[in-house]
Amino acid sequence: MKGTIVAVCTSKKKGIRKRNVGEAKLKVDWGIVGDAHADDWHRQVSLLALESIEKMQALGLNVGPGSFAENLTTQGLDLLSLPIGSQVRVGDQAILEITQHGKICHDRCAVYYQAGDCVMPREGIFARVIKGGQVKAGDAIETVEATDQP
């Protein structure tokens, strides 16, 4: 399966919308360099499909890439069909391993109040970086066979 990266988004603080910065560096076992959510954990990079954002736009919400605090906005790839443990190549070098589908939100987060709804718990996915590299809007994102990398 193959799709396209529509936006690369970061923020300096957690719990707020992210800004489309166009490109960024993915660092192994860390995430996007300079992003508030980067850390040595299983949710280093968040992904959300543009198709999910468009559903929220159709409901009248003023949202776009980064509104739901996702790092990578994709198009043309069914993110929720990617099994946990599967891998995707982003651009020419970077490889992500899918670690989680959706998330539990115990309280309505700041993104919910800023956007009017938050689709991330239902349709976002999370990954860890197993091979680093630059990623930019317009790059391909495609499934790959699992590597032997840790």
C-alpha atoms as a PDB file:
ATOM      1  CA  MET A   1       0.000   0.000   0.000  1.00  0.00           C
ATOM      2  CA  LYS A   2       1.203   3.486  -0.781  1.00  0.00           C
ATOM      3  CA  GLY A   3       0.201   7.044   0.005  1.00  0.00           C
ATOM      4  CA  THR A   4       1.658  10.537   0.292  1.00  0.00           C
ATOM      5  CA  ILE A   5       2.777  12.761   3.152  1.00  0.00           C
ATOM      6  CA  VAL A   6       0.617  15.904   2.970  1.00  0.00           C
ATOM      7  CA  ALA A   7       2.087  17.745   5.971  1.00  0.00           C
ATOM      8  CA  VAL A   8       4.856  17.432   8.553  1.00  0.00           C
ATOM      9  CA  CYS A   9       3.744  19.068  11.805  1.00  0.00           C
ATOM     10  CA  THR A  10       5.447  19.897  15.090  1.00  0.00           C
ATOM     11  CA  SER A  11       4.820  21.834  18.283  1.00  0.00           C
ATOM     12  CA  LYS A  12       7.022  22.984  21.141  1.00  0.00           C
ATOM     13  CA  LYS A  13       4.383  22.060  23.744  1.00  0.00           C
ATOM     14  CA  LYS A  14       2.049  19.101  24.255  1.00  0.00           C
ATOM     15  CA  GLY A  15      -1.724  19.468  24.117  1.00  0.00           C
ATOM     16  CA  ILE A  16      -1.889  22.078  21.357  1.00  0.00           C
ATOM     17  CA  ARG A  17      -2.358  22.051  17.613  1.00  0.00           C
ATOM     18  CA  LYS A  18       0.809  21.443  15.652  1.00  0.00           C
ATOM     19  CA  ARG A  19       2.114  23.703  12.892  1.00  0.00           C
ATOM     20  CA  ASN A  20       2.954  22.408   9.418  1.00  0.00           C
ATOM     21  CA  VAL A  21       6.713  22.941   9.119  1.00  0.00           C
ATOM     22  CA  GLY A  22       6.970  21.236   5.718  1.00  0.00           C
ATOM     23  CA  GLU A  23       9.869  18.970   6.619  1.00  0.00           C
ATOM     24  CA  ALA A  24      11.699  17.581   9.634  1.00  0.00           C
ATOM     25  CA  LYS A  25      14.215  14.991  10.758  1.00  0.00           C
ATOM     26  CA  LEU A  26      13.090  11.650  12.145  1.00  0.00           C
ATOM     27  CA  LYS A  27      15.541  10.368  14.764  1.00  0.00           C
ATOM     28  CA  VAL A  28      15.816   6.687  15.711  1.00  0.00           C
ATOM     29  CA  ASP A  29      14.099   5.808  19.005  1.00  0.00           C
ATOM     30  CA  TRP A  30      13.132   9.458  19.493  1.00  0.00           C
ATOM     31  CA  GLY A  31      10.678  10.839  16.919  1.00  0.00           C
ATOM     32  CA  ILE A  32      10.678  14.191  15.163  1.00  0.00           C
ATOM     33  CA  VAL A  33      13.574  16.359  16.293  1.00  0.00           C
ATOM     34  CA  GLY A  34      12.190  19.447  18.020  1.00  0.00           C
ATOM     35  CA  ASP A  35       8.679  18.090  18.591  1.00  0.00           C
ATOM     36  CA  ALA A  36       7.181  18.079  22.097  1.00  0.00           C
ATOM     37  CA  HIS A  37       6.032  14.450  21.795  1.00  0.00           C
ATOM     38  CA  ALA A  38       9.451  13.080  20.822  1.00  0.00           C
ATOM     39  CA  ASP A  39      10.833  10.777  23.506  1.00  0.00           C
ATOM     40  CA  ASP A  40      12.044   7.237  24.105  1.00  0.00           C
ATOM     41  CA  TRP A  41       8.587   5.654  24.122  1.00  0.00           C
ATOM     42  CA  HIS A  42       6.146   3.836  21.812  1.00  0.00           C
ATOM     43  CA  ARG A  43       4.291   6.940  20.540  1.00  0.00           C
ATOM     44  CA  GLN A  44       7.221   8.839  19.007  1.00  0.00           C
ATOM     45  CA  VAL A  45       5.376   9.845  15.831  1.00  0.00           C
ATOM     46  CA  SER A  46       1.642  10.281  15.299  1.00  0.00           C
ATOM     47  CA  LEU A  47      -0.070   9.881  11.935  1.00  0.00           C
ATOM     48  CA  LEU A  48      -3.525  10.922  10.787  1.00  0.00           C
ATOM     49  CA  ALA A  49      -5.069  10.654   7.334  1.00  0.00           C
ATOM     50  CA  LEU A  50      -6.201  13.755   5.492  1.00  0.00           C
ATOM     51  CA  GLU A  51      -9.370  11.792   4.780  1.00  0.00           C
ATOM     52  CA  SER A  52     -10.098  11.824   8.544  1.00  0.00           C
ATOM     53  CA  ILE A  53      -9.521  15.569   8.713  1.00  0.00           C
ATOM     54  CA  GLU A  54     -11.832  16.081   5.732  1.00  0.00           C
ATOM     55  CA  LYS A  55     -14.611  14.251   7.619  1.00  0.00           C
ATOM     56  CA  MET A  56     -14.292  16.834  10.380  1.00  0.00           C
ATOM     57  CA  GLN A  57     -14.255  19.677   7.834  1.00  0.00           C
ATOM     58  CA  ALA A  58     -17.488  18.280   6.368  1.00  0.00           C
ATOM     59  CA  LEU A  59     -19.035  18.692   9.829  1.00  0.00           C
ATOM     60  CA  GLY A  60     -18.162  22.387   9.689  1.00  0.00           C
ATOM     61  CA  LEU A  61     -15.022  22.345  11.815  1.00  0.00           C
ATOM     62  CA  ASN A  62     -12.238  24.763  10.892  1.00  0.00           C
ATOM     63  CA  VAL A  63      -9.415  22.203  10.920  1.00  0.00           C
ATOM     64  CA  GLY A  64      -6.519  21.143   8.745  1.00  0.00           C
ATOM     65  CA  PRO A  65      -3.196  19.307   8.960  1.00  0.00           C
ATOM     66  CA  GLY A  66      -1.786  19.618  12.477  1.00  0.00           C
ATOM     67  CA  SER A  67      -5.125  20.551  14.059  1.00  0.00           C
ATOM     68  CA  PHE A  68      -5.333  17.206  15.829  1.00  0.00           C
ATOM     69  CA  ALA A  69      -1.688  17.347  17.009  1.00  0.00           C
ATOM     70  CA  GLU A  70      -0.576  14.739  14.487  1.00  0.00           C
ATOM     71  CA  ASN A  71       3.004  14.791  13.240  1.00  0.00           C
ATOM     72  CA  LEU A  72       2.432  13.330   9.790  1.00  0.00           C
ATOM     73  CA  THR A  73      -0.713  13.941   7.780  1.00  0.00           C
ATOM     74  CA  THR A  74      -1.081  11.303   5.078  1.00  0.00           C
ATOM     75  CA  GLN A  75      -3.298  10.796   2.056  1.00  0.00           C
ATOM     76  CA  GLY A  76      -4.210   7.662   0.155  1.00  0.00           C
ATOM     77  CA  LEU A  77      -3.053   5.124   2.756  1.00  0.00           C
ATOM     78  CA  ASP A  78      -5.553   3.344   5.027  1.00  0.00           C
ATOM     79  CA  LEU A  79      -3.680   3.863   8.287  1.00  0.00           C
ATOM     80  CA  LEU A  80      -6.026   1.812  10.465  1.00  0.00           C
ATOM     81  CA  SER A  81      -5.511  -1.237   8.241  1.00  0.00           C
ATOM     82  CA  LEU A  82      -1.805  -1.311   9.149  1.00  0.00           C
ATOM     83  CA  PRO A  83      -1.295  -4.026  11.780  1.00  0.00           C
ATOM     84  CA  ILE A  84       0.636  -3.303  14.962  1.00  0.00           C
ATOM     85  CA  GLY A  85       4.265  -4.183  14.229  1.00  0.00           C
ATOM     86  CA  SER A  86       4.013  -3.426  10.522  1.00  0.00           C
ATOM     87  CA  GLN A  87       6.448  -0.978   8.992  1.00  0.00           C
ATOM     88  CA  VAL A  88       6.190   1.949   6.620  1.00  0.00           C
ATOM     89  CA  ARG A  89       8.902   3.788   4.724  1.00  0.00           C
ATOM     90  CA  VAL A  90       8.562   7.557   4.734  1.00  0.00           C
ATOM     91  CA  GLY A  91      10.511   9.307   1.996  1.00  0.00           C
ATOM     92  CA  ASP A  92      13.733   7.698   0.839  1.00  0.00           C
ATOM     93  CA  GLN A  93      15.156   6.533   4.163  1.00  0.00           C
ATOM     94  CA  ALA A  94      13.015   6.699   7.278  1.00  0.00           C
ATOM     95  CA  ILE A  95      11.179   3.623   8.535  1.00  0.00           C
ATOM     96  CA  LEU A  96       8.454   3.663  11.180  1.00  0.00           C
ATOM     97  CA  GLU A  97       7.014   0.704  13.062  1.00  0.00           C
ATOM     98  CA  ILE A  98       3.319   0.931  13.928  1.00  0.00           C
ATOM     99  CA  THR A  99       2.872   0.626  17.700  1.00  0.00           C
ATOM    100  CA  GLN A 100      -0.691   1.726  18.458  1.00  0.00           C
ATOM    101  CA  HIS A 101      -4.062   2.428  16.848  1.00  0.00           C
ATOM    102  CA  GLY A 102      -5.952   5.332  18.386  1.00  0.00           C
ATOM    103  CA  LYS A 103      -5.614   6.348  21.999  1.00  0.00           C
ATOM    104  CA  ILE A 104      -7.716   6.682  25.094  1.00  0.00           C
ATOM    105  CA  CYS A 105      -8.595  10.234  26.035  1.00  0.00           C
ATOM    106  CA  HIS A 106      -9.835  10.275  29.618  1.00  0.00           C
ATOM    107  CA  ASP A 107     -10.630  13.975  29.429  1.00  0.00           C
ATOM    108  CA  ARG A 108     -11.269  16.238  26.495  1.00  0.00           C
ATOM    109  CA  CYS A 109      -7.858  17.615  25.597  1.00  0.00           C
ATOM    110  CA  ALA A 110      -6.937  21.113  24.533  1.00  0.00           C
ATOM    111  CA  VAL A 111      -7.076  19.988  20.898  1.00  0.00           C
ATOM    112  CA  TYR A 112     -10.723  18.970  21.371  1.00  0.00           C
ATOM    113  CA  TYR A 113     -11.596  22.416  22.693  1.00  0.00           C
ATOM    114  CA  GLN A 114      -9.573  24.213  20.009  1.00  0.00           C
ATOM    115  CA  ALA A 115     -10.913  22.145  17.098  1.00  0.00           C
ATOM    116  CA  GLY A 116     -14.381  21.254  18.360  1.00  0.00           C
ATOM    117  CA  ASP A 117     -13.749  17.513  18.199  1.00  0.00           C
ATOM    118  CA  CYS A 118     -10.727  15.244  18.177  1.00  0.00           C
ATOM    119  CA  VAL A 119     -10.545  12.454  15.636  1.00  0.00           C
ATOM    120  CA  MET A 120      -7.105  11.298  16.805  1.00  0.00           C
ATOM    121  CA  PRO A 121      -8.386   8.840  19.450  1.00  0.00           C
ATOM    122  CA  ARG A 122     -10.504   7.105  16.819  1.00  0.00           C
ATOM    123  CA  GLU A 123      -8.497   7.300  13.599  1.00  0.00           C
ATOM    124  CA  GLY A 124      -4.923   8.275  14.421  1.00  0.00           C
ATOM    125  CA  ILE A 125      -2.053   5.822  14.699  1.00  0.00           C
ATOM    126  CA  PHE A 126       1.293   5.939  16.446  1.00  0.00           C
ATOM    127  CA  ALA A 127       4.738   4.670  15.566  1.00  0.00           C
ATOM    128  CA  ARG A 128       8.319   4.518  16.688  1.00  0.00           C
ATOM    129  CA  VAL A 129      11.261   5.446  14.476  1.00  0.00           C
ATOM    130  CA  ILE A 130      13.433   2.437  13.641  1.00  0.00           C
ATOM    131  CA  LYS A 131      15.407   4.131  10.854  1.00  0.00           C
ATOM    132  CA  GLY A 132      15.865   7.881  10.766  1.00  0.00           C
ATOM    133  CA  GLY A 133      15.953  10.372   7.923  1.00  0.00           C
ATOM    134  CA  GLN A 134      14.425  13.542   6.548  1.00  0.00           C
ATOM    135  CA  VAL A 135      10.700  13.607   5.832  1.00  0.00           C
ATOM    136  CA  LYS A 136       8.863  16.292   3.873  1.00  0.00           C
ATOM    137  CA  ALA A 137       5.474  17.050   2.396  1.00  0.00           C
ATOM    138  CA  GLY A 138       5.146  15.278  -0.940  1.00  0.00           C
ATOM    139  CA  ASP A 139       7.161  12.232   0.162  1.00  0.00           C
ATOM    140  CA  ALA A 140       5.757   8.776  -0.408  1.00  0.00           C
ATOM    141  CA  ILE A 141       4.683   6.630   2.536  1.00  0.00           C
ATOM    142  CA  GLU A 142       4.428   2.915   1.829  1.00  0.00           C
ATOM    143  CA  THR A 143       4.302  -0.386   3.616  1.00  0.00           C
ATOM    144  CA  VAL A 144       7.523  -2.410   3.660  1.00  0.00           C
ATOM    145  CA  GLU A 145       8.532  -5.844   4.900  1.00  0.00           C
ATOM    146  CA  ALA A 146       9.651  -5.821   8.527  1.00  0.00           C
ATOM    147  CA  THR A 147      13.374  -5.344   8.958  1.00  0.00           C
ATOM    148  CA  ASP A 148      15.687  -7.015  11.430  1.00  0.00           C
ATOM    149  CA  GLN A 149      16.401  -3.679  13.113  1.00  0.00           C
ATOM    150  CA  PRO A 150      15.591  -3.380  16.820  1.00  0.00           C
END
